[in-house]
Amino acid sequence: MGDAGEGLIDAEARIQERMEELERERSEKAVRELRDPEQQRVVESLKLARKEFERQLSTATHEARRRQLTAALDEVDRRLVDAQRLLG
């Protein structure tokens, strides 16, 4: 009977450790989300803009438009790096 009791204690310890780990992950996520929600929105917006410019570039046929889109992508990439740096 002693072995069965030890197994229950080990299982309870593992469950408790997992619960603590989940709680720690939740609190870390909450801290990340509270840092600067506006900055997170900026980053997400820039990522969406980048995808849209890439889509447009893939279908553009005029060289002048392709240059405009390439310049826009460069600018979005620069802003995205800055925004991500601020986000941490």
PDB file of N, CA and C in Angstrom:
ATOM      1  N   MET A   1       0.818  -1.197   0.000  1.00  0.00           N
ATOM      2  CA  MET A   1       0.000   0.000   0.000  1.00  0.00           C
ATOM      3  C   MET A   1       0.860   1.257   0.000  1.00  0.00           C
ATOM      4  N   GLY A   2       2.051   1.178   0.555  1.00  0.00           N
ATOM      5  CA  GLY A   2       2.917   2.340   0.611  1.00  0.00           C
ATOM      6  C   GLY A   2       3.272   2.849  -0.763  1.00  0.00           C
ATOM      7  N   ASP A   3       3.495   1.955  -1.724  1.00  0.00           N
ATOM      8  CA  ASP A   3       3.855   2.365  -3.084  1.00  0.00           C
ATOM      9  C   ASP A   3       2.729   3.134  -3.759  1.00  0.00           C
ATOM     10  N   ALA A   4       1.505   2.714  -3.560  1.00  0.00           N
ATOM     11  CA  ALA A   4       0.367   3.395  -4.167  1.00  0.00           C
ATOM     12  C   ALA A   4       0.240   4.811  -3.610  1.00  0.00           C
ATOM     13  N   GLY A   5       0.474   4.966  -2.343  1.00  0.00           N
ATOM     14  CA  GLY A   5       0.402   6.284  -1.713  1.00  0.00           C
ATOM     15  C   GLY A   5       1.472   7.213  -2.254  1.00  0.00           C
ATOM     16  N   GLU A   6       2.676   6.658  -2.470  1.00  0.00           N
ATOM     17  CA  GLU A   6       3.748   7.481  -3.035  1.00  0.00           C
ATOM     18  C   GLU A   6       3.407   7.916  -4.451  1.00  0.00           C
ATOM     19  N   GLY A   7       2.774   7.043  -5.215  1.00  0.00           N
ATOM     20  CA  GLY A   7       2.365   7.385  -6.580  1.00  0.00           C
ATOM     21  C   GLY A   7       1.362   8.524  -6.598  1.00  0.00           C
ATOM     22  N   LEU A   8       0.433   8.500  -5.641  1.00  0.00           N
ATOM     23  CA  LEU A   8      -0.544   9.584  -5.561  1.00  0.00           C
ATOM     24  C   LEU A   8       0.111  10.907  -5.196  1.00  0.00           C
ATOM     25  N   ILE A   9       1.054  10.843  -4.284  1.00  0.00           N
ATOM     26  CA  ILE A   9       1.762  12.055  -3.875  1.00  0.00           C
ATOM     27  C   ILE A   9       2.549  12.617  -5.053  1.00  0.00           C
ATOM     28  N   ASP A  10       3.233  11.741  -5.825  1.00  0.00           N
ATOM     29  CA  ASP A  10       3.987  12.177  -7.001  1.00  0.00           C
ATOM     30  C   ASP A  10       3.056  12.796  -8.039  1.00  0.00           C
ATOM     31  N   ALA A  11       1.902  12.174  -8.257  1.00  0.00           N
ATOM     32  CA  ALA A  11       0.946  12.683  -9.232  1.00  0.00           C
ATOM     33  C   ALA A  11       0.413  14.046  -8.793  1.00  0.00           C
ATOM     34  N   GLU A  12       0.118  14.181  -7.515  1.00  0.00           N
ATOM     35  CA  GLU A  12      -0.365  15.462  -7.004  1.00  0.00           C
ATOM     36  C   GLU A  12       0.701  16.537  -7.150  1.00  0.00           C
ATOM     37  N   ALA A  13       1.951  16.188  -6.909  1.00  0.00           N
ATOM     38  CA  ALA A  13       3.051  17.152  -7.042  1.00  0.00           C
ATOM     39  C   ALA A  13       3.194  17.589  -8.498  1.00  0.00           C
ATOM     40  N   ARG A  14       3.080  16.627  -9.431  1.00  0.00           N
ATOM     41  CA  ARG A  14       3.182  16.982 -10.855  1.00  0.00           C
ATOM     42  C   ARG A  14       2.024  17.875 -11.274  1.00  0.00           C
ATOM     43  N   ILE A  15       0.841  17.579 -10.796  1.00  0.00           N
ATOM     44  CA  ILE A  15      -0.335  18.401 -11.121  1.00  0.00           C
ATOM     45  C   ILE A  15      -0.138  19.815 -10.580  1.00  0.00           C
ATOM     46  N   GLN A  16       0.314  19.906  -9.352  1.00  0.00           N
ATOM     47  CA  GLN A  16       0.531  21.222  -8.737  1.00  0.00           C
ATOM     48  C   GLN A  16       1.591  22.007  -9.511  1.00  0.00           C
ATOM     49  N   GLU A  17       2.677  21.347  -9.907  1.00  0.00           N
ATOM     50  CA  GLU A  17       3.726  22.012 -10.673  1.00  0.00           C
ATOM     51  C   GLU A  17       3.173  22.516 -12.006  1.00  0.00           C
ATOM     52  N   ARG A  18       2.355  21.697 -12.656  1.00  0.00           N
ATOM     53  CA  ARG A  18       1.769  22.093 -13.946  1.00  0.00           C
ATOM     54  C   ARG A  18       0.825  23.277 -13.771  1.00  0.00           C
ATOM     55  N   MET A  19       0.041  23.265 -12.713  1.00  0.00           N
ATOM     56  CA  MET A  19      -0.872  24.377 -12.447  1.00  0.00           C
ATOM     57  C   MET A  19      -0.086  25.665 -12.202  1.00  0.00           C
ATOM     58  N   GLU A  20       0.996  25.582 -11.457  1.00  0.00           N
ATOM     59  CA  GLU A  20       1.833  26.748 -11.202  1.00  0.00           C
ATOM     60  C   GLU A  20       2.470  27.250 -12.495  1.00  0.00           C
ATOM     61  N   GLU A  21       2.896  26.320 -13.348  1.00  0.00           N
ATOM     62  CA  GLU A  21       3.493  26.686 -14.626  1.00  0.00           C
ATOM     63  C   GLU A  21       2.475  27.414 -15.513  1.00  0.00           C
ATOM     64  N   LEU A  22       1.246  26.893 -15.564  1.00  0.00           N
ATOM     65  CA  LEU A  22       0.202  27.545 -16.355  1.00  0.00           C
ATOM     66  C   LEU A  22      -0.116  28.939 -15.831  1.00  0.00           C
ATOM     67  N   GLU A  23      -0.167  29.079 -14.534  1.00  0.00           N
ATOM     68  CA  GLU A  23      -0.440  30.377 -13.934  1.00  0.00           C
ATOM     69  C   GLU A  23       0.680  31.366 -14.257  1.00  0.00           C
ATOM     70  N   ARG A  24       1.905  30.905 -14.186  1.00  0.00           N
ATOM     71  CA  ARG A  24       3.058  31.745 -14.503  1.00  0.00           C
ATOM     72  C   ARG A  24       2.994  32.195 -15.974  1.00  0.00           C
ATOM     73  N   GLU A  25       2.647  31.272 -16.876  1.00  0.00           N
ATOM     74  CA  GLU A  25       2.527  31.614 -18.296  1.00  0.00           C
ATOM     75  C   GLU A  25       1.430  32.642 -18.520  1.00  0.00           C
ATOM     76  N   ARG A  26       0.299  32.483 -17.830  1.00  0.00           N
ATOM     77  CA  ARG A  26      -0.803  33.441 -17.958  1.00  0.00           C
ATOM     78  C   ARG A  26      -0.387  34.831 -17.478  1.00  0.00           C
ATOM     79  N   SER A  27       0.299  34.877 -16.350  1.00  0.00           N
ATOM     80  CA  SER A  27       0.693  36.185 -15.818  1.00  0.00           C
ATOM     81  C   SER A  27       1.745  36.833 -16.704  1.00  0.00           C
ATOM     82  N   GLU A  28       2.657  36.061 -17.277  1.00  0.00           N
ATOM     83  CA  GLU A  28       3.657  36.615 -18.190  1.00  0.00           C
ATOM     84  C   GLU A  28       2.983  37.153 -19.445  1.00  0.00           C
ATOM     85  N   LYS A  29       1.994  36.438 -19.952  1.00  0.00           N
ATOM     86  CA  LYS A  29       1.263  36.881 -21.134  1.00  0.00           C
ATOM     87  C   LYS A  29       0.521  38.174 -20.821  1.00  0.00           C
ATOM     88  N   ALA A  30      -0.088  38.246 -19.662  1.00  0.00           N
ATOM     89  CA  ALA A  30      -0.816  39.445 -19.266  1.00  0.00           C
ATOM     90  C   ALA A  30       0.120  40.638 -19.175  1.00  0.00           C
ATOM     91  N   VAL A  31       1.314  40.428 -18.645  1.00  0.00           N
ATOM     92  CA  VAL A  31       2.295  41.510 -18.542  1.00  0.00           C
ATOM     93  C   VAL A  31       2.695  41.980 -19.933  1.00  0.00           C
ATOM     94  N   ARG A  32       2.945  41.037 -20.849  1.00  0.00           N
ATOM     95  CA  ARG A  32       3.315  41.405 -22.221  1.00  0.00           C
ATOM     96  C   ARG A  32       2.194  42.199 -22.874  1.00  0.00           C
ATOM     97  N   GLU A  33       0.960  41.786 -22.661  1.00  0.00           N
ATOM     98  CA  GLU A  33      -0.172  42.464 -23.271  1.00  0.00           C
ATOM     99  C   GLU A  33      -0.385  43.847 -22.672  1.00  0.00           C
ATOM    100  N   LEU A  34      -0.032  44.033 -21.420  1.00  0.00           N
ATOM    101  CA  LEU A  34      -0.237  45.319 -20.767  1.00  0.00           C
ATOM    102  C   LEU A  34       0.882  46.310 -21.051  1.00  0.00           C
ATOM    103  N   ARG A  35       1.983  45.839 -21.604  1.00  0.00           N
ATOM    104  CA  ARG A  35       3.114  46.735 -21.841  1.00  0.00           C
ATOM    105  C   ARG A  35       2.677  47.953 -22.635  1.00  0.00           C
ATOM    106  N   ASP A  36       2.197  47.726 -23.829  1.00  0.00           N
ATOM    107  CA  ASP A  36       1.745  48.840 -24.653  1.00  0.00           C
ATOM    108  C   ASP A  36       0.827  48.313 -25.749  1.00  0.00           C
ATOM    109  N   PRO A  37      -0.445  48.225 -25.459  1.00  0.00           N
ATOM    110  CA  PRO A  37      -1.374  47.683 -26.450  1.00  0.00           C
ATOM    111  C   PRO A  37      -1.401  48.514 -27.731  1.00  0.00           C
ATOM    112  N   GLU A  38      -1.219  49.816 -27.614  1.00  0.00           N
ATOM    113  CA  GLU A  38      -1.205  50.663 -28.815  1.00  0.00           C
ATOM    114  C   GLU A  38      -0.014  50.307 -29.696  1.00  0.00           C
ATOM    115  N   GLN A  39       1.122  50.066 -29.089  1.00  0.00           N
ATOM    116  CA  GLN A  39       2.313  49.696 -29.864  1.00  0.00           C
ATOM    117  C   GLN A  39       2.114  48.337 -30.531  1.00  0.00           C
ATOM    118  N   GLN A  40       1.431  47.428 -29.866  1.00  0.00           N
ATOM    119  CA  GLN A  40       1.127  46.133 -30.472  1.00  0.00           C
ATOM    120  C   GLN A  40       0.228  46.310 -31.688  1.00  0.00           C
ATOM    121  N   ARG A  41      -0.731  47.221 -31.583  1.00  0.00           N
ATOM    122  CA  ARG A  41      -1.609  47.498 -32.724  1.00  0.00           C
ATOM    123  C   ARG A  41      -0.819  48.070 -33.889  1.00  0.00           C
ATOM    124  N   VAL A  42       0.150  48.926 -33.578  1.00  0.00           N
ATOM    125  CA  VAL A  42       0.996  49.508 -34.624  1.00  0.00           C
ATOM    126  C   VAL A  42       1.761  48.407 -35.347  1.00  0.00           C
ATOM    127  N   VAL A  43       2.343  47.486 -34.581  1.00  0.00           N
ATOM    128  CA  VAL A  43       3.107  46.391 -35.181  1.00  0.00           C
ATOM    129  C   VAL A  43       2.207  45.537 -36.067  1.00  0.00           C
ATOM    130  N   GLU A  44       1.038  45.180 -35.571  1.00  0.00           N
ATOM    131  CA  GLU A  44       0.123  44.354 -36.364  1.00  0.00           C
ATOM    132  C   GLU A  44      -0.328  45.081 -37.625  1.00  0.00           C
ATOM    133  N   SER A  45      -0.582  46.368 -37.511  1.00  0.00           N
ATOM    134  CA  SER A  45      -0.988  47.159 -38.668  1.00  0.00           C
ATOM    135  C   SER A  45       0.120  47.199 -39.719  1.00  0.00           C
ATOM    136  N   LEU A  46       1.346  47.373 -39.274  1.00  0.00           N
ATOM    137  CA  LEU A  46       2.472  47.388 -40.209  1.00  0.00           C
ATOM    138  C   LEU A  46       2.660  46.036 -40.888  1.00  0.00           C
ATOM    139  N   LYS A  47       2.443  44.965 -40.144  1.00  0.00           N
ATOM    140  CA  LYS A  47       2.558  43.624 -40.745  1.00  0.00           C
ATOM    141  C   LYS A  47       1.497  43.432 -41.834  1.00  0.00           C
ATOM    142  N   LEU A  48       0.285  43.902 -41.552  1.00  0.00           N
ATOM    143  CA  LEU A  48      -0.782  43.804 -42.553  1.00  0.00           C
ATOM    144  C   LEU A  48      -0.472  44.662 -43.779  1.00  0.00           C
ATOM    145  N   ALA A  49       0.043  45.865 -43.542  1.00  0.00           N
ATOM    146  CA  ALA A  49       0.407  46.738 -44.654  1.00  0.00           C
ATOM    147  C   ALA A  49       1.492  46.094 -45.511  1.00  0.00           C
ATOM    148  N   ARG A  50       2.440  45.456 -44.858  1.00  0.00           N
ATOM    149  CA  ARG A  50       3.523  44.802 -45.591  1.00  0.00           C
ATOM    150  C   ARG A  50       2.968  43.695 -46.495  1.00  0.00           C
ATOM    151  N   LYS A  51       2.068  42.896 -45.960  1.00  0.00           N
ATOM    152  CA  LYS A  51       1.461  41.832 -46.763  1.00  0.00           C
ATOM    153  C   LYS A  51       0.714  42.405 -47.966  1.00  0.00           C
ATOM    154  N   GLU A  52       0.005  43.502 -47.745  1.00  0.00           N
ATOM    155  CA  GLU A  52      -0.745  44.119 -48.837  1.00  0.00           C
ATOM    156  C   GLU A  52       0.204  44.661 -49.917  1.00  0.00           C
ATOM    157  N   PHE A  53       1.279  45.323 -49.510  1.00  0.00           N
ATOM    158  CA  PHE A  53       2.244  45.825 -50.496  1.00  0.00           C
ATOM    159  C   PHE A  53       2.905  44.677 -51.257  1.00  0.00           C
ATOM    160  N   GLU A  54       3.201  43.588 -50.567  1.00  0.00           N
ATOM    161  CA  GLU A  54       3.774  42.426 -51.245  1.00  0.00           C
ATOM    162  C   GLU A  54       2.798  41.873 -52.280  1.00  0.00           C
ATOM    163  N   ARG A  55       1.518  41.827 -51.912  1.00  0.00           N
ATOM    164  CA  ARG A  55       0.505  41.338 -52.840  1.00  0.00           C
ATOM    165  C   ARG A  55       0.433  42.230 -54.074  1.00  0.00           C
ATOM    166  N   GLN A  56       0.406  43.530 -53.838  1.00  0.00           N
ATOM    167  CA  GLN A  56       0.348  44.467 -54.952  1.00  0.00           C
ATOM    168  C   GLN A  56       1.594  44.372 -55.834  1.00  0.00           C
ATOM    169  N   LEU A  57       2.744  44.218 -55.199  1.00  0.00           N
ATOM    170  CA  LEU A  57       3.992  44.121 -55.952  1.00  0.00           C
ATOM    171  C   LEU A  57       4.011  42.874 -56.834  1.00  0.00           C
ATOM    172  N   SER A  58       3.429  41.808 -56.343  1.00  0.00           N
ATOM    173  CA  SER A  58       3.428  40.566 -57.119  1.00  0.00           C
ATOM    174  C   SER A  58       2.587  40.670 -58.388  1.00  0.00           C
ATOM    175  N   THR A  59       1.643  41.623 -58.417  1.00  0.00           N
ATOM    176  CA  THR A  59       0.789  41.764 -59.601  1.00  0.00           C
ATOM    177  C   THR A  59       1.101  43.009 -60.426  1.00  0.00           C
ATOM    178  N   ALA A  60       1.960  43.897 -59.911  1.00  0.00           N
ATOM    179  CA  ALA A  60       2.268  45.143 -60.619  1.00  0.00           C
ATOM    180  C   ALA A  60       3.080  44.852 -61.874  1.00  0.00           C
ATOM    181  N   THR A  61       2.721  45.531 -62.955  1.00  0.00           N
ATOM    182  CA  THR A  61       3.429  45.329 -64.219  1.00  0.00           C
ATOM    183  C   THR A  61       4.227  46.566 -64.636  1.00  0.00           C
ATOM    184  N   HIS A  62       3.805  47.748 -64.226  1.00  0.00           N
ATOM    185  CA  HIS A  62       4.517  48.980 -64.588  1.00  0.00           C
ATOM    186  C   HIS A  62       5.717  49.183 -63.668  1.00  0.00           C
ATOM    187  N   GLU A  63       6.842  49.521 -64.288  1.00  0.00           N
ATOM    188  CA  GLU A  63       8.084  49.663 -63.516  1.00  0.00           C
ATOM    189  C   GLU A  63       7.995  50.783 -62.476  1.00  0.00           C
ATOM    190  N   ALA A  64       7.347  51.884 -62.811  1.00  0.00           N
ATOM    191  CA  ALA A  64       7.224  52.989 -61.852  1.00  0.00           C
ATOM    192  C   ALA A  64       6.434  52.546 -60.620  1.00  0.00           C
ATOM    193  N   ARG A  65       5.361  51.809 -60.835  1.00  0.00           N
ATOM    194  CA  ARG A  65       4.550  51.319 -59.712  1.00  0.00           C
ATOM    195  C   ARG A  65       5.347  50.320 -58.877  1.00  0.00           C
ATOM    196  N   ARG A  66       6.121  49.483 -59.540  1.00  0.00           N
ATOM    197  CA  ARG A  66       6.951  48.512 -58.817  1.00  0.00           C
ATOM    198  C   ARG A  66       7.970  49.240 -57.934  1.00  0.00           C
ATOM    199  N   ARG A  67       8.536  50.333 -58.438  1.00  0.00           N
ATOM    200  CA  ARG A  67       9.492  51.120 -57.639  1.00  0.00           C
ATOM    201  C   ARG A  67       8.794  51.740 -56.437  1.00  0.00           C
ATOM    202  N   GLN A  68       7.580  52.262 -56.648  1.00  0.00           N
ATOM    203  CA  GLN A  68       6.809  52.839 -55.539  1.00  0.00           C
ATOM    204  C   GLN A  68       6.545  51.795 -54.461  1.00  0.00           C
ATOM    205  N   LEU A  69       6.112  50.628 -54.882  1.00  0.00           N
ATOM    206  CA  LEU A  69       5.787  49.562 -53.927  1.00  0.00           C
ATOM    207  C   LEU A  69       7.036  49.072 -53.206  1.00  0.00           C
ATOM    208  N   THR A  70       8.148  48.989 -53.910  1.00  0.00           N
ATOM    209  CA  THR A  70       9.396  48.570 -53.283  1.00  0.00           C
ATOM    210  C   THR A  70       9.823  49.593 -52.230  1.00  0.00           C
ATOM    211  N   ALA A  71       9.694  50.880 -52.565  1.00  0.00           N
ATOM    212  CA  ALA A  71      10.023  51.934 -51.600  1.00  0.00           C
ATOM    213  C   ALA A  71       9.083  51.867 -50.396  1.00  0.00           C
ATOM    214  N   ALA A  72       7.802  51.614 -50.651  1.00  0.00           N
ATOM    215  CA  ALA A  72       6.837  51.497 -49.550  1.00  0.00           C
ATOM    216  C   ALA A  72       7.180  50.311 -48.652  1.00  0.00           C
ATOM    217  N   LEU A  73       7.573  49.191 -49.253  1.00  0.00           N
ATOM    218  CA  LEU A  73       7.967  48.018 -48.461  1.00  0.00           C
ATOM    219  C   LEU A  73       9.189  48.330 -47.599  1.00  0.00           C
ATOM    220  N   ASP A  74      10.153  49.040 -48.173  1.00  0.00           N
ATOM    221  CA  ASP A  74      11.341  49.413 -47.399  1.00  0.00           C
ATOM    222  C   ASP A  74      10.971  50.275 -46.201  1.00  0.00           C
ATOM    223  N   GLU A  75      10.055  51.229 -46.432  1.00  0.00           N
ATOM    224  CA  GLU A  75       9.615  52.113 -45.352  1.00  0.00           C
ATOM    225  C   GLU A  75       8.854  51.335 -44.276  1.00  0.00           C
ATOM    226  N   VAL A  76       7.978  50.448 -44.679  1.00  0.00           N
ATOM    227  CA  VAL A  76       7.221  49.631 -43.717  1.00  0.00           C
ATOM    228  C   VAL A  76       8.183  48.764 -42.917  1.00  0.00           C
ATOM    229  N   ASP A  77       9.164  48.169 -43.578  1.00  0.00           N
ATOM    230  CA  ASP A  77      10.149  47.342 -42.870  1.00  0.00           C
ATOM    231  C   ASP A  77      10.913  48.171 -41.840  1.00  0.00           C
ATOM    232  N   ARG A  78      11.303  49.391 -42.218  1.00  0.00           N
ATOM    233  CA  ARG A  78      12.031  50.263 -41.285  1.00  0.00           C
ATOM    234  C   ARG A  78      11.153  50.588 -40.073  1.00  0.00           C
ATOM    235  N   ARG A  79       9.904  50.945 -40.333  1.00  0.00           N
ATOM    236  CA  ARG A  79       8.987  51.275 -39.235  1.00  0.00           C
ATOM    237  C   ARG A  79       8.682  50.059 -38.376  1.00  0.00           C
ATOM    238  N   LEU A  80       8.592  48.898 -39.001  1.00  0.00           N
ATOM    239  CA  LEU A  80       8.310  47.676 -38.260  1.00  0.00           C
ATOM    240  C   LEU A  80       9.450  47.337 -37.305  1.00  0.00           C
ATOM    241  N   VAL A  81      10.677  47.491 -37.765  1.00  0.00           N
ATOM    242  CA  VAL A  81      11.838  47.249 -36.895  1.00  0.00           C
ATOM    243  C   VAL A  81      11.803  48.193 -35.702  1.00  0.00           C
ATOM    244  N   ASP A  82      11.527  49.473 -35.971  1.00  0.00           N
ATOM    245  CA  ASP A  82      11.455  50.462 -34.876  1.00  0.00           C
ATOM    246  C   ASP A  82      10.337  50.131 -33.893  1.00  0.00           C
ATOM    247  N   ALA A  83       9.176  49.780 -34.423  1.00  0.00           N
ATOM    248  CA  ALA A  83       8.018  49.479 -33.560  1.00  0.00           C
ATOM    249  C   ALA A  83       8.276  48.231 -32.720  1.00  0.00           C
ATOM    250  N   GLN A  84       8.885  47.226 -33.316  1.00  0.00           N
ATOM    251  CA  GLN A  84       9.171  46.001 -32.569  1.00  0.00           C
ATOM    252  C   GLN A  84      10.225  46.245 -31.498  1.00  0.00           C
ATOM    253  N   ARG A  85      11.157  47.120 -31.785  1.00  0.00           N
ATOM    254  CA  ARG A  85      12.182  47.465 -30.796  1.00  0.00           C
ATOM    255  C   ARG A  85      11.531  48.130 -29.586  1.00  0.00           C
ATOM    256  N   LEU A  86      10.576  49.020 -29.832  1.00  0.00           N
ATOM    257  CA  LEU A  86       9.872  49.691 -28.737  1.00  0.00           C
ATOM    258  C   LEU A  86       9.016  48.735 -27.932  1.00  0.00           C
ATOM    259  N   LEU A  87       8.491  47.726 -28.632  1.00  0.00           N
ATOM    260  CA  LEU A  87       7.624  46.754 -27.974  1.00  0.00           C
ATOM    261  C   LEU A  87       8.420  45.850 -27.038  1.00  0.00           C
ATOM    262  N   GLY A  88       9.665  45.654 -27.365  1.00  0.00           N
ATOM    263  CA  GLY A  88      10.503  44.853 -26.492  1.00  0.00           C
ATOM    264  C   GLY A  88      10.680  43.522 -26.998  1.00  0.00           C
TER     265      GLY A  88
END
